[in-house]
Amino acid sequence: MNTFLELMQSVEGVELGELEPMTTVLVWTWNSLYRVVVAEGSDVLVQGGLLFPQPTPAHVDGASTGGGPLKIGWIGLGLVMELHVSGTRIVTTPVIAIATERTGMFTIH
């Protein structure tokens, strides 16, 4: 567990709860690009990849190394993004880039 905590302190990422509603987060994984629009906290609309051709209500559970401890409400570089959509758990491939976009602003993480 200490190794996971140490990893979480050194990995760059985005805390969804700190973002204003309607902020768009672009998340590139090994296989897909996701557009995540923050509704409130970790509740989002997600679009992208094979599973989400249209904006779909979802809850981002957080980031993990895959099957282990989870950093809640967070998307992190090098980690998988775990989310729930209509009661189904979805786990992406590892995140390789994250960018946030607000009206008139664009930030790469």
C-alpha atoms as a PDB file:
ATOM      1  CA  MET A   1       0.000   0.000   0.000  1.00  0.00           C
ATOM      2  CA  ASN A   2       2.854   2.440   0.728  1.00  0.00           C
ATOM      3  CA  THR A   3       4.130   1.959  -2.815  1.00  0.00           C
ATOM      4  CA  PHE A   4       0.710   2.976  -4.222  1.00  0.00           C
ATOM      5  CA  LEU A   5       0.606   6.054  -1.981  1.00  0.00           C
ATOM      6  CA  GLU A   6       4.115   7.025  -3.053  1.00  0.00           C
ATOM      7  CA  LEU A   7       3.146   6.529  -6.705  1.00  0.00           C
ATOM      8  CA  MET A   8       0.064   8.748  -6.303  1.00  0.00           C
ATOM      9  CA  GLN A   9       2.207  11.573  -4.915  1.00  0.00           C
ATOM     10  CA  SER A  10       4.495  11.538  -7.950  1.00  0.00           C
ATOM     11  CA  VAL A  11       1.967  11.054 -10.770  1.00  0.00           C
ATOM     12  CA  GLU A  12       0.499  14.079 -12.541  1.00  0.00           C
ATOM     13  CA  GLY A  13      -3.221  14.209 -13.021  1.00  0.00           C
ATOM     14  CA  VAL A  14      -6.514  16.010 -12.600  1.00  0.00           C
ATOM     15  CA  GLU A  15      -8.752  16.095  -9.513  1.00  0.00           C
ATOM     16  CA  LEU A  16     -12.269  16.296 -10.973  1.00  0.00           C
ATOM     17  CA  GLY A  17     -13.761  17.785  -7.798  1.00  0.00           C
ATOM     18  CA  GLU A  18     -11.514  20.840  -8.198  1.00  0.00           C
ATOM     19  CA  LEU A  19     -12.811  21.621 -11.699  1.00  0.00           C
ATOM     20  CA  GLU A  20     -15.707  23.937 -12.424  1.00  0.00           C
ATOM     21  CA  PRO A  21     -18.872  22.382 -13.901  1.00  0.00           C
ATOM     22  CA  MET A  22     -18.804  22.263 -17.713  1.00  0.00           C
ATOM     23  CA  THR A  23     -15.002  21.991 -17.780  1.00  0.00           C
ATOM     24  CA  THR A  24     -13.940  19.625 -20.557  1.00  0.00           C
ATOM     25  CA  VAL A  25     -11.140  17.156 -19.893  1.00  0.00           C
ATOM     26  CA  LEU A  26      -9.555  15.464 -22.895  1.00  0.00           C
ATOM     27  CA  VAL A  27      -8.104  12.089 -21.899  1.00  0.00           C
ATOM     28  CA  TRP A  28      -5.879  10.170 -24.292  1.00  0.00           C
ATOM     29  CA  THR A  29      -5.299   6.493 -23.468  1.00  0.00           C
ATOM     30  CA  TRP A  30      -3.251   3.876 -25.307  1.00  0.00           C
ATOM     31  CA  ASN A  31      -6.296   3.079 -27.444  1.00  0.00           C
ATOM     32  CA  SER A  32      -8.722   5.996 -27.377  1.00  0.00           C
ATOM     33  CA  LEU A  33      -9.470   9.668 -26.878  1.00  0.00           C
ATOM     34  CA  TYR A  34     -12.221  10.543 -24.386  1.00  0.00           C
ATOM     35  CA  ARG A  35     -13.935  13.903 -23.957  1.00  0.00           C
ATOM     36  CA  VAL A  36     -15.064  14.134 -20.324  1.00  0.00           C
ATOM     37  CA  VAL A  37     -17.349  17.055 -19.447  1.00  0.00           C
ATOM     38  CA  VAL A  38     -17.654  17.690 -15.701  1.00  0.00           C
ATOM     39  CA  ALA A  39     -21.251  17.954 -14.492  1.00  0.00           C
ATOM     40  CA  GLU A  40     -20.458  18.084 -10.776  1.00  0.00           C
ATOM     41  CA  GLY A  41     -17.547  16.497  -8.956  1.00  0.00           C
ATOM     42  CA  SER A  42     -16.940  13.056 -10.455  1.00  0.00           C
ATOM     43  CA  ASP A  43     -20.270  12.986 -12.300  1.00  0.00           C
ATOM     44  CA  VAL A  44     -19.527  13.575 -15.963  1.00  0.00           C
ATOM     45  CA  LEU A  45     -20.619  13.163 -19.557  1.00  0.00           C
ATOM     46  CA  VAL A  46     -18.122  10.953 -21.392  1.00  0.00           C
ATOM     47  CA  GLN A  47     -17.718  10.586 -25.149  1.00  0.00           C
ATOM     48  CA  GLY A  48     -15.109   8.647 -27.091  1.00  0.00           C
ATOM     49  CA  GLY A  49     -13.586   5.263 -27.614  1.00  0.00           C
ATOM     50  CA  LEU A  50     -15.680   2.418 -28.963  1.00  0.00           C
ATOM     51  CA  LEU A  51     -18.152   2.446 -26.060  1.00  0.00           C
ATOM     52  CA  PHE A  52     -19.246   6.075 -26.043  1.00  0.00           C
ATOM     53  CA  PRO A  53     -20.028   7.407 -29.541  1.00  0.00           C
ATOM     54  CA  GLN A  54     -22.421   9.952 -27.953  1.00  0.00           C
ATOM     55  CA  PRO A  55     -22.078  11.929 -24.691  1.00  0.00           C
ATOM     56  CA  THR A  56     -23.058   9.455 -21.963  1.00  0.00           C
ATOM     57  CA  PRO A  57     -23.717  10.131 -18.259  1.00  0.00           C
ATOM     58  CA  ALA A  58     -21.036   8.451 -16.131  1.00  0.00           C
ATOM     59  CA  HIS A  59     -19.303   8.584 -12.760  1.00  0.00           C
ATOM     60  CA  VAL A  60     -15.487   8.601 -12.719  1.00  0.00           C
ATOM     61  CA  ASP A  61     -14.538   6.369  -9.803  1.00  0.00           C
ATOM     62  CA  GLY A  62     -10.887   7.323 -10.108  1.00  0.00           C
ATOM     63  CA  ALA A  63      -7.448   6.169 -11.225  1.00  0.00           C
ATOM     64  CA  SER A  64      -5.583   2.966 -10.445  1.00  0.00           C
ATOM     65  CA  THR A  65      -2.814   0.733 -11.680  1.00  0.00           C
ATOM     66  CA  GLY A  66      -5.574  -1.706 -12.651  1.00  0.00           C
ATOM     67  CA  GLY A  67      -7.317  -3.886 -10.098  1.00  0.00           C
ATOM     68  CA  GLY A  68      -5.660  -2.363  -7.035  1.00  0.00           C
ATOM     69  CA  PRO A  69      -6.199   0.665  -4.822  1.00  0.00           C
ATOM     70  CA  LEU A  70      -8.055   3.583  -6.372  1.00  0.00           C
ATOM     71  CA  LYS A  71      -7.391   7.317  -6.137  1.00  0.00           C
ATOM     72  CA  ILE A  72     -10.982   8.524  -5.965  1.00  0.00           C
ATOM     73  CA  GLY A  73     -12.270  11.219  -8.339  1.00  0.00           C
ATOM     74  CA  TRP A  74      -8.950  11.549 -10.115  1.00  0.00           C
ATOM     75  CA  ILE A  75      -7.515  10.908 -13.600  1.00  0.00           C
ATOM     76  CA  GLY A  76      -3.771  10.252 -13.641  1.00  0.00           C
ATOM     77  CA  LEU A  77      -1.047   9.831 -16.234  1.00  0.00           C
ATOM     78  CA  GLY A  78       0.096   6.236 -16.643  1.00  0.00           C
ATOM     79  CA  LEU A  79      -2.913   4.914 -14.729  1.00  0.00           C
ATOM     80  CA  VAL A  80      -6.201   3.461 -15.939  1.00  0.00           C
ATOM     81  CA  MET A  81      -9.390   5.496 -15.637  1.00  0.00           C
ATOM     82  CA  GLU A  82     -12.189   3.613 -13.880  1.00  0.00           C
ATOM     83  CA  LEU A  83     -15.777   4.714 -14.330  1.00  0.00           C
ATOM     84  CA  HIS A  84     -19.348   3.500 -13.935  1.00  0.00           C
ATOM     85  CA  VAL A  85     -21.957   3.851 -16.649  1.00  0.00           C
ATOM     86  CA  SER A  86     -25.496   2.607 -15.994  1.00  0.00           C
ATOM     87  CA  GLY A  87     -24.207   0.274 -13.264  1.00  0.00           C
ATOM     88  CA  THR A  88     -21.422  -1.179 -15.434  1.00  0.00           C
ATOM     89  CA  ARG A  89     -17.759  -0.748 -14.458  1.00  0.00           C
ATOM     90  CA  ILE A  90     -15.555   0.415 -17.333  1.00  0.00           C
ATOM     91  CA  VAL A  91     -11.741   0.419 -17.143  1.00  0.00           C
ATOM     92  CA  THR A  92      -9.711   2.160 -19.842  1.00  0.00           C
ATOM     93  CA  THR A  93      -6.211   1.410 -20.990  1.00  0.00           C
ATOM     94  CA  PRO A  94      -3.532   3.573 -19.305  1.00  0.00           C
ATOM     95  CA  VAL A  95      -3.797   7.338 -19.723  1.00  0.00           C
ATOM     96  CA  ILE A  96      -0.985   8.881 -21.781  1.00  0.00           C
ATOM     97  CA  ALA A  97      -2.095  12.549 -21.859  1.00  0.00           C
ATOM     98  CA  ILE A  98      -4.649  14.848 -20.217  1.00  0.00           C
ATOM     99  CA  ALA A  99      -5.729  18.368 -21.162  1.00  0.00           C
ATOM    100  CA  THR A 100      -8.402  20.542 -19.557  1.00  0.00           C
ATOM    101  CA  GLU A 101     -10.394  23.100 -21.461  1.00  0.00           C
ATOM    102  CA  ARG A 102     -12.556  25.901 -20.129  1.00  0.00           C
ATOM    103  CA  THR A 103     -14.095  28.674 -22.154  1.00  0.00           C
ATOM    104  CA  GLY A 104     -11.153  30.520 -23.657  1.00  0.00           C
ATOM    105  CA  MET A 105      -8.506  28.453 -21.775  1.00  0.00           C
ATOM    106  CA  PHE A 106      -6.599  25.248 -22.563  1.00  0.00           C
ATOM    107  CA  THR A 107      -4.142  23.538 -20.171  1.00  0.00           C
ATOM    108  CA  ILE A 108      -1.997  20.460 -20.833  1.00  0.00           C
ATOM    109  CA  HIS A 109      -1.109  18.271 -17.816  1.00  0.00           C
END
